[in-house]
Amino acid sequence: MTKVVTQTKHFGVALILMWAVAKIPLGYLSRLALPLYIVAMVLLVLTALIGDQAKGAQRWLDLQVIRIQPSELMKIALPLMLAWYFDRYERVLNLKHYFIAAILMVAPVILILKQPDLGTSILVLASGFFVLFFAGMSLRVLGFIATISVLVMPFAWSMLEPYQQTRVLTLLNPASDPLGAGYHTIQSTIAIGSGGFWGKGWMEGTQSQLNFLPEGTTDFVFAVLGEEFGFIGVLIIFLAYLVLVWRGLQIATRAPNVFSRLSGASITLTLFIYAFVNVGMVIGLLPIVGVPLPLISFGGSSAVTVLIGIGILMNFRANRRLIQT
């Protein structure tokens, strides 16, 4: 019950922020992109220097008045920053601009990886990449990035913490360590499979209610839903996400300017990646990277980030309507 009350408060704050962002004039929102990115970078640096440590990670920053996770802010700040940058230089874009944009994207990703937080770094990287892609990045540049990515893989692997490397390796055979690194994957797949077509019913799941399934309210809440509501419940969740992504892309394609089109598409597709990575790790297709299920997992930071992103899309939709009238 305590978590229900806490999450209700989280959503209350997130909904207020969503409404506030939706009401900001589009010109002001564009001008906020650079200051927001700078603030997010400063907070990430401060987190690396004086951030709170918990469970072997240094991801939180205590500002006395509020305790925040700056990497969550970067999920919104980076696509807005890159969209503003490409909007500003739209008429003179060349390879130099893409290179600068890549630096703006990679800098926060490295800071987040050092926390360490592989899941959030993937989402931030995806949000930036989508902006670059929709800004018209050529196939030649994409090929160059792919080549560089392959070359830096050994370096990226060495940057991962030992437990993260173990998670990646265990993905190939979870049964090799059923009581250790493979435990989460094994229990989550058992939970989803045992749900069948209709599920076992609300609060009737054995894996979740008997505490076989770790993190049942956060990272692995999808397994709980699969066990208790079955294939039908999971299908409804998928359809809800698809409708949300479809509507977001529709708003982005009809947005009034380059800034709103790029940032809108990036925010929407990052939400898709959010859900895709969580479901993929729960069913054993992707390594466990600690990504919550959007709007369902317990946690305030994720709810605030996702609903602010939706508020930005609402802003673009409202401004398009105002321009048309």
C-alpha atoms as a PDB file:
ATOM      1  CA  MET A   1       0.000   0.000   0.000  1.00  0.00           C
ATOM      2  CA  THR A   2       2.904   2.323   0.769  1.00  0.00           C
ATOM      3  CA  LYS A   3       4.225   1.907  -2.775  1.00  0.00           C
ATOM      4  CA  VAL A   4       0.774   2.634  -4.202  1.00  0.00           C
ATOM      5  CA  VAL A   5       0.583   5.912  -2.279  1.00  0.00           C
ATOM      6  CA  THR A   6       4.144   6.826  -3.245  1.00  0.00           C
ATOM      7  CA  GLN A   7       3.590   6.066  -6.915  1.00  0.00           C
ATOM      8  CA  THR A   8       0.356   8.062  -6.879  1.00  0.00           C
ATOM      9  CA  LYS A   9       2.353  11.049  -5.620  1.00  0.00           C
ATOM     10  CA  HIS A  10       4.953  10.459  -8.338  1.00  0.00           C
ATOM     11  CA  PHE A  11       2.273  10.473 -11.038  1.00  0.00           C
ATOM     12  CA  GLY A  12       0.654  13.551  -9.516  1.00  0.00           C
ATOM     13  CA  VAL A  13       3.903  15.497  -9.827  1.00  0.00           C
ATOM     14  CA  ALA A  14       4.594  14.050 -13.277  1.00  0.00           C
ATOM     15  CA  LEU A  15       1.132  14.991 -14.570  1.00  0.00           C
ATOM     16  CA  ILE A  16       1.537  18.566 -13.318  1.00  0.00           C
ATOM     17  CA  LEU A  17       4.898  18.817 -15.099  1.00  0.00           C
ATOM     18  CA  MET A  18       3.390  17.305 -18.250  1.00  0.00           C
ATOM     19  CA  TRP A  19       0.629  19.907 -18.239  1.00  0.00           C
ATOM     20  CA  ALA A  20       3.111  22.746 -17.592  1.00  0.00           C
ATOM     21  CA  VAL A  21       5.390  21.654 -20.446  1.00  0.00           C
ATOM     22  CA  ALA A  22       2.423  21.334 -22.792  1.00  0.00           C
ATOM     23  CA  LYS A  23       1.534  24.992 -22.101  1.00  0.00           C
ATOM     24  CA  ILE A  24       5.005  26.472 -22.749  1.00  0.00           C
ATOM     25  CA  PRO A  25       5.098  28.525 -26.008  1.00  0.00           C
ATOM     26  CA  LEU A  26       7.025  26.599 -28.667  1.00  0.00           C
ATOM     27  CA  GLY A  27       9.578  29.392 -29.103  1.00  0.00           C
ATOM     28  CA  TYR A  28      10.416  29.343 -25.392  1.00  0.00           C
ATOM     29  CA  LEU A  29      10.700  25.555 -25.416  1.00  0.00           C
ATOM     30  CA  SER A  30      13.226  25.780 -28.240  1.00  0.00           C
ATOM     31  CA  ARG A  31      15.252  28.417 -26.388  1.00  0.00           C
ATOM     32  CA  LEU A  32      15.264  26.260 -23.252  1.00  0.00           C
ATOM     33  CA  ALA A  33      17.064  23.414 -25.073  1.00  0.00           C
ATOM     34  CA  LEU A  34      20.621  24.723 -24.680  1.00  0.00           C
ATOM     35  CA  PRO A  35      20.313  25.827 -21.014  1.00  0.00           C
ATOM     36  CA  LEU A  36      18.608  22.531 -20.147  1.00  0.00           C
ATOM     37  CA  TYR A  37      21.423  20.536 -21.771  1.00  0.00           C
ATOM     38  CA  ILE A  38      24.087  22.561 -19.924  1.00  0.00           C
ATOM     39  CA  VAL A  39      22.300  22.092 -16.598  1.00  0.00           C
ATOM     40  CA  ALA A  40      21.980  18.351 -17.224  1.00  0.00           C
ATOM     41  CA  MET A  41      25.697  18.073 -18.077  1.00  0.00           C
ATOM     42  CA  VAL A  42      26.698  20.024 -14.962  1.00  0.00           C
ATOM     43  CA  LEU A  43      24.502  17.767 -12.823  1.00  0.00           C
ATOM     44  CA  LEU A  44      26.056  14.661 -14.405  1.00  0.00           C
ATOM     45  CA  VAL A  45      29.551  15.955 -13.628  1.00  0.00           C
ATOM     46  CA  LEU A  46      28.506  16.738 -10.044  1.00  0.00           C
ATOM     47  CA  THR A  47      27.036  13.251  -9.750  1.00  0.00           C
ATOM     48  CA  ALA A  48      30.386  11.772 -10.799  1.00  0.00           C
ATOM     49  CA  LEU A  49      32.170  13.906  -8.193  1.00  0.00           C
ATOM     50  CA  ILE A  50      29.846  14.005  -5.170  1.00  0.00           C
ATOM     51  CA  GLY A  51      26.859  11.824  -6.054  1.00  0.00           C
ATOM     52  CA  ASP A  52      25.245   9.413  -3.613  1.00  0.00           C
ATOM     53  CA  GLN A  53      26.363   5.800  -3.892  1.00  0.00           C
ATOM     54  CA  ALA A  54      23.883   2.939  -3.619  1.00  0.00           C
ATOM     55  CA  LYS A  55      24.186  -0.739  -4.641  1.00  0.00           C
ATOM     56  CA  GLY A  56      27.596  -0.132  -6.219  1.00  0.00           C
ATOM     57  CA  ALA A  57      26.401   2.742  -8.421  1.00  0.00           C
ATOM     58  CA  GLN A  58      26.710   6.523  -8.176  1.00  0.00           C
ATOM     59  CA  ARG A  59      23.613   7.797  -9.982  1.00  0.00           C
ATOM     60  CA  TRP A  60      21.855  10.150  -7.576  1.00  0.00           C
ATOM     61  CA  LEU A  61      22.580  13.735  -6.595  1.00  0.00           C
ATOM     62  CA  ASP A  62      21.313  15.175  -3.312  1.00  0.00           C
ATOM     63  CA  LEU A  63      20.529  18.883  -3.739  1.00  0.00           C
ATOM     64  CA  GLN A  64      19.197  19.144  -0.149  1.00  0.00           C
ATOM     65  CA  VAL A  65      15.799  20.320  -1.374  1.00  0.00           C
ATOM     66  CA  ILE A  66      15.414  17.380  -3.767  1.00  0.00           C
ATOM     67  CA  ARG A  67      17.247  14.173  -4.658  1.00  0.00           C
ATOM     68  CA  ILE A  68      17.466  13.706  -8.419  1.00  0.00           C
ATOM     69  CA  GLN A  69      18.862  11.319 -11.019  1.00  0.00           C
ATOM     70  CA  PRO A  70      20.457  13.640 -13.638  1.00  0.00           C
ATOM     71  CA  SER A  71      20.682  10.895 -16.260  1.00  0.00           C
ATOM     72  CA  GLU A  72      16.870  10.906 -16.456  1.00  0.00           C
ATOM     73  CA  LEU A  73      16.916  14.629 -17.238  1.00  0.00           C
ATOM     74  CA  MET A  74      19.376  13.973 -20.067  1.00  0.00           C
ATOM     75  CA  LYS A  75      16.820  11.712 -21.808  1.00  0.00           C
ATOM     76  CA  ILE A  76      14.828  14.872 -22.504  1.00  0.00           C
ATOM     77  CA  ALA A  77      17.659  17.418 -22.662  1.00  0.00           C
ATOM     78  CA  LEU A  78      19.720  15.653 -25.363  1.00  0.00           C
ATOM     79  CA  PRO A  79      17.048  15.296 -28.087  1.00  0.00           C
ATOM     80  CA  LEU A  80      15.896  18.876 -27.476  1.00  0.00           C
ATOM     81  CA  MET A  81      19.480  20.131 -27.664  1.00  0.00           C
ATOM     82  CA  LEU A  82      20.308  18.274 -30.884  1.00  0.00           C
ATOM     83  CA  ALA A  83      16.986  19.253 -32.469  1.00  0.00           C
ATOM     84  CA  TRP A  84      17.660  22.911 -31.619  1.00  0.00           C
ATOM     85  CA  TYR A  85      21.190  22.594 -33.049  1.00  0.00           C
ATOM     86  CA  PHE A  86      20.034  21.104 -36.357  1.00  0.00           C
ATOM     87  CA  ASP A  87      17.158  23.576 -36.591  1.00  0.00           C
ATOM     88  CA  ARG A  88      19.613  26.458 -36.184  1.00  0.00           C
ATOM     89  CA  TYR A  89      22.023  25.193 -38.856  1.00  0.00           C
ATOM     90  CA  GLU A  90      19.456  23.601 -41.166  1.00  0.00           C
ATOM     91  CA  ARG A  91      20.467  25.628 -44.242  1.00  0.00           C
ATOM     92  CA  VAL A  92      24.221  25.050 -43.932  1.00  0.00           C
ATOM     93  CA  LEU A  93      24.435  21.460 -42.629  1.00  0.00           C
ATOM     94  CA  ASN A  94      27.619  19.589 -43.452  1.00  0.00           C
ATOM     95  CA  LEU A  95      29.762  16.805 -41.988  1.00  0.00           C
ATOM     96  CA  LYS A  96      31.229  19.174 -39.378  1.00  0.00           C
ATOM     97  CA  HIS A  97      27.801  19.739 -37.833  1.00  0.00           C
ATOM     98  CA  TYR A  98      27.174  16.006 -37.532  1.00  0.00           C
ATOM     99  CA  PHE A  99      30.572  15.581 -35.879  1.00  0.00           C
ATOM    100  CA  ILE A 100      29.790  18.293 -33.296  1.00  0.00           C
ATOM    101  CA  ALA A 101      26.377  16.720 -32.699  1.00  0.00           C
ATOM    102  CA  ALA A 102      28.054  13.348 -32.114  1.00  0.00           C
ATOM    103  CA  ILE A 103      30.292  14.917 -29.454  1.00  0.00           C
ATOM    104  CA  LEU A 104      27.251  16.489 -27.772  1.00  0.00           C
ATOM    105  CA  MET A 105      25.684  13.031 -27.752  1.00  0.00           C
ATOM    106  CA  VAL A 106      28.663  10.934 -26.649  1.00  0.00           C
ATOM    107  CA  ALA A 107      29.771  13.201 -23.767  1.00  0.00           C
ATOM    108  CA  PRO A 108      26.743  12.530 -21.501  1.00  0.00           C
ATOM    109  CA  VAL A 109      26.650   8.860 -22.524  1.00  0.00           C
ATOM    110  CA  ILE A 110      30.215   8.371 -21.240  1.00  0.00           C
ATOM    111  CA  LEU A 111      29.365  10.088 -17.943  1.00  0.00           C
ATOM    112  CA  ILE A 112      26.310   7.870 -17.495  1.00  0.00           C
ATOM    113  CA  LEU A 113      28.283   4.722 -18.352  1.00  0.00           C
ATOM    114  CA  LYS A 114      30.786   5.618 -15.637  1.00  0.00           C
ATOM    115  CA  GLN A 115      28.073   5.673 -12.932  1.00  0.00           C
ATOM    116  CA  PRO A 116      27.612   2.801 -14.060  1.00  0.00           C
ATOM    117  CA  ASP A 117      24.170   2.762 -15.721  1.00  0.00           C
ATOM    118  CA  LEU A 118      24.184   0.800 -18.956  1.00  0.00           C
ATOM    119  CA  GLY A 119      20.412   0.877 -19.448  1.00  0.00           C
ATOM    120  CA  THR A 120      20.044   4.652 -19.223  1.00  0.00           C
ATOM    121  CA  SER A 121      23.134   5.226 -21.369  1.00  0.00           C
ATOM    122  CA  ILE A 122      21.552   3.091 -24.117  1.00  0.00           C
ATOM    123  CA  LEU A 123      18.350   5.140 -23.972  1.00  0.00           C
ATOM    124  CA  VAL A 124      20.208   8.472 -24.035  1.00  0.00           C
ATOM    125  CA  LEU A 125      22.353   7.268 -26.945  1.00  0.00           C
ATOM    126  CA  ALA A 126      19.220   6.149 -28.806  1.00  0.00           C
ATOM    127  CA  SER A 127      17.496   9.506 -28.249  1.00  0.00           C
ATOM    128  CA  GLY A 128      20.472  11.315 -29.769  1.00  0.00           C
ATOM    129  CA  PHE A 129      20.912   8.890 -32.644  1.00  0.00           C
ATOM    130  CA  PHE A 130      17.279   9.266 -33.698  1.00  0.00           C
ATOM    131  CA  VAL A 131      17.741  13.036 -34.016  1.00  0.00           C
ATOM    132  CA  LEU A 132      20.863  12.558 -36.149  1.00  0.00           C
ATOM    133  CA  PHE A 133      19.061  10.039 -38.342  1.00  0.00           C
ATOM    134  CA  PHE A 134      15.984  12.169 -38.950  1.00  0.00           C
ATOM    135  CA  ALA A 135      18.169  15.242 -39.503  1.00  0.00           C
ATOM    136  CA  GLY A 136      19.257  13.624 -42.763  1.00  0.00           C
ATOM    137  CA  MET A 137      22.425  11.751 -41.842  1.00  0.00           C
ATOM    138  CA  SER A 138      23.668  10.122 -45.047  1.00  0.00           C
ATOM    139  CA  LEU A 139      24.261   6.401 -45.546  1.00  0.00           C
ATOM    140  CA  ARG A 140      27.975   7.138 -45.813  1.00  0.00           C
ATOM    141  CA  VAL A 141      27.973   8.700 -42.353  1.00  0.00           C
ATOM    142  CA  LEU A 142      25.873   5.828 -40.997  1.00  0.00           C
ATOM    143  CA  GLY A 143      28.390   3.372 -42.414  1.00  0.00           C
ATOM    144  CA  PHE A 144      31.230   5.324 -40.824  1.00  0.00           C
ATOM    145  CA  ILE A 145      29.481   5.279 -37.449  1.00  0.00           C
ATOM    146  CA  ALA A 146      28.824   1.546 -37.756  1.00  0.00           C
ATOM    147  CA  THR A 147      32.500   0.920 -38.538  1.00  0.00           C
ATOM    148  CA  ILE A 148      33.664   3.031 -35.607  1.00  0.00           C
ATOM    149  CA  SER A 149      31.175   1.248 -33.337  1.00  0.00           C
ATOM    150  CA  VAL A 150      32.621  -2.131 -34.275  1.00  0.00           C
ATOM    151  CA  LEU A 151      36.179  -0.884 -33.712  1.00  0.00           C
ATOM    152  CA  VAL A 152      35.436   0.547 -30.257  1.00  0.00           C
ATOM    153  CA  MET A 153      33.559  -2.539 -29.028  1.00  0.00           C
ATOM    154  CA  PRO A 154      36.616  -3.943 -27.201  1.00  0.00           C
ATOM    155  CA  PHE A 155      37.067  -0.574 -25.470  1.00  0.00           C
ATOM    156  CA  ALA A 156      33.348  -0.381 -24.627  1.00  0.00           C
ATOM    157  CA  TRP A 157      33.480  -3.927 -23.253  1.00  0.00           C
ATOM    158  CA  SER A 158      36.382  -2.985 -20.988  1.00  0.00           C
ATOM    159  CA  MET A 159      34.335  -0.034 -19.655  1.00  0.00           C
ATOM    160  CA  LEU A 160      31.577  -2.349 -18.446  1.00  0.00           C
ATOM    161  CA  GLU A 161      31.568  -3.419 -14.822  1.00  0.00           C
ATOM    162  CA  PRO A 162      32.270  -7.147 -14.194  1.00  0.00           C
ATOM    163  CA  TYR A 163      28.628  -7.779 -13.254  1.00  0.00           C
ATOM    164  CA  GLN A 164      27.485  -6.154 -16.524  1.00  0.00           C
ATOM    165  CA  GLN A 165      29.847  -8.352 -18.543  1.00  0.00           C
ATOM    166  CA  THR A 166      28.499 -11.379 -16.696  1.00  0.00           C
ATOM    167  CA  ARG A 167      24.923 -10.392 -17.569  1.00  0.00           C
ATOM    168  CA  VAL A 168      25.783 -10.198 -21.264  1.00  0.00           C
ATOM    169  CA  LEU A 169      27.534 -13.579 -21.225  1.00  0.00           C
ATOM    170  CA  THR A 170      24.780 -15.219 -19.183  1.00  0.00           C
ATOM    171  CA  LEU A 171      22.230 -14.153 -21.796  1.00  0.00           C
ATOM    172  CA  LEU A 172      23.532 -16.930 -24.048  1.00  0.00           C
ATOM    173  CA  ASN A 173      22.888 -19.593 -21.394  1.00  0.00           C
ATOM    174  CA  PRO A 174      21.039 -18.483 -18.242  1.00  0.00           C
ATOM    175  CA  ALA A 175      21.052 -22.062 -16.941  1.00  0.00           C
ATOM    176  CA  SER A 176      24.840 -21.902 -16.590  1.00  0.00           C
ATOM    177  CA  ASP A 177      24.345 -19.929 -13.369  1.00  0.00           C
ATOM    178  CA  PRO A 178      20.728 -20.553 -12.273  1.00  0.00           C
ATOM    179  CA  LEU A 179      21.193 -19.208  -8.751  1.00  0.00           C
ATOM    180  CA  GLY A 180      23.401 -16.273  -9.740  1.00  0.00           C
ATOM    181  CA  ALA A 181      23.497 -14.157 -12.896  1.00  0.00           C
ATOM    182  CA  GLY A 182      20.883 -16.280 -14.673  1.00  0.00           C
ATOM    183  CA  TYR A 183      18.362 -16.265 -11.801  1.00  0.00           C
ATOM    184  CA  HIS A 184      16.396 -13.176 -12.889  1.00  0.00           C
ATOM    185  CA  THR A 185      15.969 -14.374 -16.474  1.00  0.00           C
ATOM    186  CA  ILE A 186      14.956 -17.901 -15.477  1.00  0.00           C
ATOM    187  CA  GLN A 187      12.369 -16.733 -12.939  1.00  0.00           C
ATOM    188  CA  SER A 188      10.892 -14.097 -15.263  1.00  0.00           C
ATOM    189  CA  THR A 189      10.474 -16.536 -18.168  1.00  0.00           C
ATOM    190  CA  ILE A 190       8.860 -19.070 -15.820  1.00  0.00           C
ATOM    191  CA  ALA A 191       6.457 -16.375 -14.603  1.00  0.00           C
ATOM    192  CA  ILE A 192       5.448 -15.280 -18.123  1.00  0.00           C
ATOM    193  CA  GLY A 193       5.107 -18.858 -19.398  1.00  0.00           C
ATOM    194  CA  SER A 194       2.995 -19.958 -16.450  1.00  0.00           C
ATOM    195  CA  GLY A 195       0.496 -17.169 -17.127  1.00  0.00           C
ATOM    196  CA  GLY A 196      -0.831 -18.945 -20.194  1.00  0.00           C
ATOM    197  CA  PHE A 197      -3.529 -17.317 -22.300  1.00  0.00           C
ATOM    198  CA  TRP A 198      -5.755 -15.752 -19.625  1.00  0.00           C
ATOM    199  CA  GLY A 199      -3.315 -15.493 -16.698  1.00  0.00           C
ATOM    200  CA  LYS A 200      -3.660 -16.665 -13.113  1.00  0.00           C
ATOM    201  CA  GLY A 201      -5.610 -13.639 -11.959  1.00  0.00           C
ATOM    202  CA  TRP A 202      -4.925 -10.458  -9.991  1.00  0.00           C
ATOM    203  CA  MET A 203      -2.540 -11.147  -7.078  1.00  0.00           C
ATOM    204  CA  GLU A 204      -2.638 -14.894  -7.845  1.00  0.00           C
ATOM    205  CA  GLY A 205       0.789 -15.257  -9.457  1.00  0.00           C
ATOM    206  CA  THR A 206       3.019 -17.733  -7.647  1.00  0.00           C
ATOM    207  CA  GLN A 207       6.379 -16.454  -8.925  1.00  0.00           C
ATOM    208  CA  SER A 208       5.605 -12.872  -7.905  1.00  0.00           C
ATOM    209  CA  GLN A 209       3.537 -13.368  -4.752  1.00  0.00           C
ATOM    210  CA  LEU A 210       5.942 -15.961  -3.294  1.00  0.00           C
ATOM    211  CA  ASN A 211       8.923 -13.679  -4.030  1.00  0.00           C
ATOM    212  CA  PHE A 212      10.654 -15.955  -6.509  1.00  0.00           C
ATOM    213  CA  LEU A 213      10.700 -13.055  -8.960  1.00  0.00           C
ATOM    214  CA  PRO A 214      13.110 -10.243  -7.952  1.00  0.00           C
ATOM    215  CA  GLU A 215      12.232  -6.567  -8.568  1.00  0.00           C
ATOM    216  CA  GLY A 216       8.624  -7.431  -9.322  1.00  0.00           C
ATOM    217  CA  THR A 217       7.443  -3.822  -9.060  1.00  0.00           C
ATOM    218  CA  THR A 218      10.251  -2.189 -11.039  1.00  0.00           C
ATOM    219  CA  ASP A 219      12.418  -3.782 -13.730  1.00  0.00           C
ATOM    220  CA  PHE A 220      10.488  -7.087 -13.877  1.00  0.00           C
ATOM    221  CA  VAL A 221       6.932  -5.836 -13.530  1.00  0.00           C
ATOM    222  CA  PHE A 222       6.230  -7.096 -17.070  1.00  0.00           C
ATOM    223  CA  ALA A 223       6.787 -10.682 -15.861  1.00  0.00           C
ATOM    224  CA  VAL A 224       4.256 -10.097 -13.070  1.00  0.00           C
ATOM    225  CA  LEU A 225       1.716  -8.801 -15.587  1.00  0.00           C
ATOM    226  CA  GLY A 226       2.367 -11.746 -17.894  1.00  0.00           C
ATOM    227  CA  GLU A 227       1.838 -14.245 -15.081  1.00  0.00           C
ATOM    228  CA  GLU A 228      -1.302 -12.642 -13.651  1.00  0.00           C
ATOM    229  CA  PHE A 229      -3.008 -11.432 -16.858  1.00  0.00           C
ATOM    230  CA  GLY A 230      -1.572 -13.847 -19.412  1.00  0.00           C
ATOM    231  CA  PHE A 231      -1.242 -13.387 -23.155  1.00  0.00           C
ATOM    232  CA  ILE A 232      -4.361 -11.197 -23.338  1.00  0.00           C
ATOM    233  CA  GLY A 233      -3.017  -8.758 -20.741  1.00  0.00           C
ATOM    234  CA  VAL A 234       0.379  -8.571 -22.441  1.00  0.00           C
ATOM    235  CA  LEU A 235      -1.301  -8.011 -25.818  1.00  0.00           C
ATOM    236  CA  ILE A 236      -3.293  -5.080 -24.418  1.00  0.00           C
ATOM    237  CA  ILE A 237      -0.086  -3.516 -23.078  1.00  0.00           C
ATOM    238  CA  PHE A 238       1.618  -3.918 -26.455  1.00  0.00           C
ATOM    239  CA  LEU A 239      -1.339  -2.356 -28.264  1.00  0.00           C
ATOM    240  CA  ALA A 240      -1.353   0.592 -25.843  1.00  0.00           C
ATOM    241  CA  TYR A 241       2.338   1.257 -26.502  1.00  0.00           C
ATOM    242  CA  LEU A 242       1.865   0.919 -30.270  1.00  0.00           C
ATOM    243  CA  VAL A 243      -0.977   3.444 -30.220  1.00  0.00           C
ATOM    244  CA  LEU A 244       1.138   5.846 -28.169  1.00  0.00           C
ATOM    245  CA  VAL A 245       4.130   5.495 -30.516  1.00  0.00           C
ATOM    246  CA  TRP A 246       1.931   5.805 -33.621  1.00  0.00           C
ATOM    247  CA  ARG A 247       0.297   8.943 -32.283  1.00  0.00           C
ATOM    248  CA  GLY A 248       3.675  10.434 -31.291  1.00  0.00           C
ATOM    249  CA  LEU A 249       5.131   9.855 -34.759  1.00  0.00           C
ATOM    250  CA  GLN A 250       1.994  11.291 -36.339  1.00  0.00           C
ATOM    251  CA  ILE A 251       2.411  14.463 -34.262  1.00  0.00           C
ATOM    252  CA  ALA A 252       6.126  14.643 -35.118  1.00  0.00           C
ATOM    253  CA  THR A 253       5.594  14.333 -38.878  1.00  0.00           C
ATOM    254  CA  ARG A 254       2.999  17.125 -38.807  1.00  0.00           C
ATOM    255  CA  ALA A 255       4.907  19.389 -36.406  1.00  0.00           C
ATOM    256  CA  PRO A 256       5.306  23.073 -37.346  1.00  0.00           C
ATOM    257  CA  ASN A 257       9.127  23.302 -37.610  1.00  0.00           C
ATOM    258  CA  VAL A 258      12.385  21.327 -37.763  1.00  0.00           C
ATOM    259  CA  PHE A 259      12.965  21.558 -34.003  1.00  0.00           C
ATOM    260  CA  SER A 260       9.619  20.012 -33.131  1.00  0.00           C
ATOM    261  CA  ARG A 261       9.780  17.362 -35.872  1.00  0.00           C
ATOM    262  CA  LEU A 262      13.224  16.107 -34.832  1.00  0.00           C
ATOM    263  CA  SER A 263      12.708  16.199 -31.077  1.00  0.00           C
ATOM    264  CA  GLY A 264       9.173  14.796 -31.352  1.00  0.00           C
ATOM    265  CA  ALA A 265      10.290  11.803 -33.417  1.00  0.00           C
ATOM    266  CA  SER A 266      13.244  11.170 -31.105  1.00  0.00           C
ATOM    267  CA  ILE A 267      11.166  11.317 -27.911  1.00  0.00           C
ATOM    268  CA  THR A 268       8.560   8.980 -29.406  1.00  0.00           C
ATOM    269  CA  LEU A 269      11.016   6.370 -30.652  1.00  0.00           C
ATOM    270  CA  THR A 270      13.003   6.528 -27.410  1.00  0.00           C
ATOM    271  CA  LEU A 271       9.783   5.623 -25.602  1.00  0.00           C
ATOM    272  CA  PHE A 272       9.514   2.625 -27.941  1.00  0.00           C
ATOM    273  CA  ILE A 273      13.117   1.624 -27.166  1.00  0.00           C
ATOM    274  CA  TYR A 274      12.307   2.042 -23.453  1.00  0.00           C
ATOM    275  CA  ALA A 275       9.545  -0.572 -23.678  1.00  0.00           C
ATOM    276  CA  PHE A 276      11.410  -2.795 -26.150  1.00  0.00           C
ATOM    277  CA  VAL A 277      14.532  -3.080 -23.971  1.00  0.00           C
ATOM    278  CA  ASN A 278      12.525  -3.797 -20.805  1.00  0.00           C
ATOM    279  CA  VAL A 279      10.407  -6.516 -22.431  1.00  0.00           C
ATOM    280  CA  GLY A 280      13.461  -7.933 -24.231  1.00  0.00           C
ATOM    281  CA  MET A 281      15.451  -8.340 -21.011  1.00  0.00           C
ATOM    282  CA  VAL A 282      12.476  -9.810 -19.122  1.00  0.00           C
ATOM    283  CA  ILE A 283      11.839 -12.537 -21.719  1.00  0.00           C
ATOM    284  CA  GLY A 284      15.555 -13.295 -22.103  1.00  0.00           C
ATOM    285  CA  LEU A 285      16.251 -11.765 -25.520  1.00  0.00           C
ATOM    286  CA  LEU A 286      18.430  -8.926 -24.189  1.00  0.00           C
ATOM    287  CA  PRO A 287      20.869  -8.602 -21.276  1.00  0.00           C
ATOM    288  CA  ILE A 288      19.470  -7.308 -17.992  1.00  0.00           C
ATOM    289  CA  VAL A 289      20.304  -3.587 -17.976  1.00  0.00           C
ATOM    290  CA  GLY A 290      17.882  -2.162 -15.423  1.00  0.00           C
ATOM    291  CA  VAL A 291      15.403  -0.323 -17.674  1.00  0.00           C
ATOM    292  CA  PRO A 292      11.902   0.150 -16.184  1.00  0.00           C
ATOM    293  CA  LEU A 293       8.686  -0.419 -18.143  1.00  0.00           C
ATOM    294  CA  PRO A 294       7.362   3.055 -19.097  1.00  0.00           C
ATOM    295  CA  LEU A 295       4.355   4.274 -17.069  1.00  0.00           C
ATOM    296  CA  ILE A 296       4.008   0.888 -15.346  1.00  0.00           C
ATOM    297  CA  SER A 297       7.163   0.232 -13.287  1.00  0.00           C
ATOM    298  CA  PHE A 298       7.376   1.730  -9.808  1.00  0.00           C
ATOM    299  CA  GLY A 299       9.587   4.821  -9.647  1.00  0.00           C
ATOM    300  CA  GLY A 300       9.271   8.579  -9.829  1.00  0.00           C
ATOM    301  CA  SER A 301      12.153   9.483 -12.150  1.00  0.00           C
ATOM    302  CA  SER A 302      10.941   7.294 -15.000  1.00  0.00           C
ATOM    303  CA  ALA A 303       7.330   8.487 -14.684  1.00  0.00           C
ATOM    304  CA  VAL A 304       8.390  12.139 -14.692  1.00  0.00           C
ATOM    305  CA  THR A 305      10.657  11.687 -17.721  1.00  0.00           C
ATOM    306  CA  VAL A 306       8.077   9.823 -19.810  1.00  0.00           C
ATOM    307  CA  LEU A 307       5.208  12.192 -18.994  1.00  0.00           C
ATOM    308  CA  ILE A 308       7.344  15.275 -19.675  1.00  0.00           C
ATOM    309  CA  GLY A 309       8.130  13.731 -23.059  1.00  0.00           C
ATOM    310  CA  ILE A 310       4.405  13.238 -23.671  1.00  0.00           C
ATOM    311  CA  GLY A 311       3.833  16.837 -22.548  1.00  0.00           C
ATOM    312  CA  ILE A 312       6.322  18.004 -25.189  1.00  0.00           C
ATOM    313  CA  LEU A 313       4.412  16.063 -27.862  1.00  0.00           C
ATOM    314  CA  MET A 314       1.166  17.650 -26.637  1.00  0.00           C
ATOM    315  CA  ASN A 315       2.886  21.027 -26.951  1.00  0.00           C
ATOM    316  CA  PHE A 316       3.808  20.345 -30.588  1.00  0.00           C
ATOM    317  CA  ARG A 317       0.259  19.197 -31.362  1.00  0.00           C
ATOM    318  CA  ALA A 318      -1.270  22.298 -29.770  1.00  0.00           C
ATOM    319  CA  ASN A 319       1.122  24.643 -31.583  1.00  0.00           C
ATOM    320  CA  ARG A 320       0.373  23.001 -34.916  1.00  0.00           C
ATOM    321  CA  ARG A 321      -3.337  23.535 -34.344  1.00  0.00           C
ATOM    322  CA  LEU A 322      -2.763  27.175 -33.418  1.00  0.00           C
ATOM    323  CA  ILE A 323      -0.664  27.767 -36.548  1.00  0.00           C
ATOM    324  CA  GLN A 324      -3.339  26.202 -38.762  1.00  0.00           C
ATOM    325  CA  THR A 325      -6.076  28.385 -37.278  1.00  0.00           C
END
